[in-house]
Structure formats: C-alpha cells, structure tokens
Amino acid sequence: MTGQMSSSLKKFMRKRPDSSDLAKAIQELESDTPRAAAILAATLLEDILLLSLLSAMRPLSQEEEDRLFVGLAPLSSFSAKIQLGYAIKIYGSKTRHDLDTIREIRNAFAHVVTSISFDTTEISDRCTGFHCLKPPSEAPGLTSRQRFTLATKIIMARLIHSWSGVAPDGTTKELLTLE
C-alpha cells in the first residue's frame, strides 16, 4: 500500500472524538512536549471548527462531506475552515485572528526542524496577542504555553456552545459571543 493510506487508517482518522476523547486529549496538552501540545491543541480546535461548520450546513452524506473537507478538497485546510467560519458569521474578526494565530503557531511547531518551544521569541510574541485573553500586562503570571493552551480551550468552548447551545458551565441561558 505504498503511497496510499489504508482504508482502516482513513476510517480511524475520520472518527469524531467523543467527550471522553476530548477530555483525554486536553489532559495531554498539559503534559506533552511543547511541539506535541501545539499540534494537538490546533488539531482539536480544527476538529471542533469542522463540527461548527457542519452544524451550519444542510445535512451532508459522508461522500458530500468528503468532497468538501478531505484530501485536496476546497475546505480541507485549517485556513480554509477558519475563513469559511468567519464568512458565514460563526465568529467575528477577533476570533478569526486568534484562530489564525493558533494555526500559525501549529505550523511553526510542525514544520520547523530546529529546536522550538513556547519560549522561542517568535512563538512567545505571538502568544501575547490573543484577543480572547487579557494582555500579559493585565494578567501576569501565565507562560506562553499556558496562554496558548487557554486560548485554544476558550475558543473550543465557545465553538461548541455556538452549535450545541450549552455554555461551558453547563447553562443555556446566555450565549457566549465570538467577536
């Protein structure tokens, strides 16, 4: 099967995470290496964003969904999903900025071969600009890794709320706004 992914691996990769999978993955964010944590956090967020996009669409067959989101499909990249979410008003420009920042940090960790961590200047500088968090001057004490992880968790919770109607604290009274 050289050059092609086995059908069992494809099926495994398509599996949607349940709440137990998400909880385990979020725990891993705290203990994994910086590179693994950045990639995992962004992957979790991309999966939640995909579910948000699907919830805003008409029901699709698996084949129709694949034609949009799998392989070289027009919405297969994290960047394309971010742009579509903004275009269809799932969130505003501030959340789009934060999603793009997370994507860029993920790309750096995934593609830079040299040593990289959240203390790397280029990474730590980007972690100070999340709109969903107070600036470091107003919320001192958080490391760049903690800022990245917290921003990812906040956006995931808001995205889940946007299509489930359940707020992160379990209530349904107030909608969280995604600016």
Foldseek 3Di string as FASTA:
>chain_A
DPPDDDPVVVVVVPDQDDPVNVVVLLVCLVVPAQLVNLQSLLVVLLSLLLVLVCLVDDDDDPVVSCCQAPDPHQNVDSLSSLVVCCVVPLAHDLVSLLNVLSVVLNCCSVPPPDDDHCPPVVNVVSLQPRPVDDGCVVVPDAGSSRSSSVSSVVSSQLSCCSRVCAHPVGDNPDHDHHD
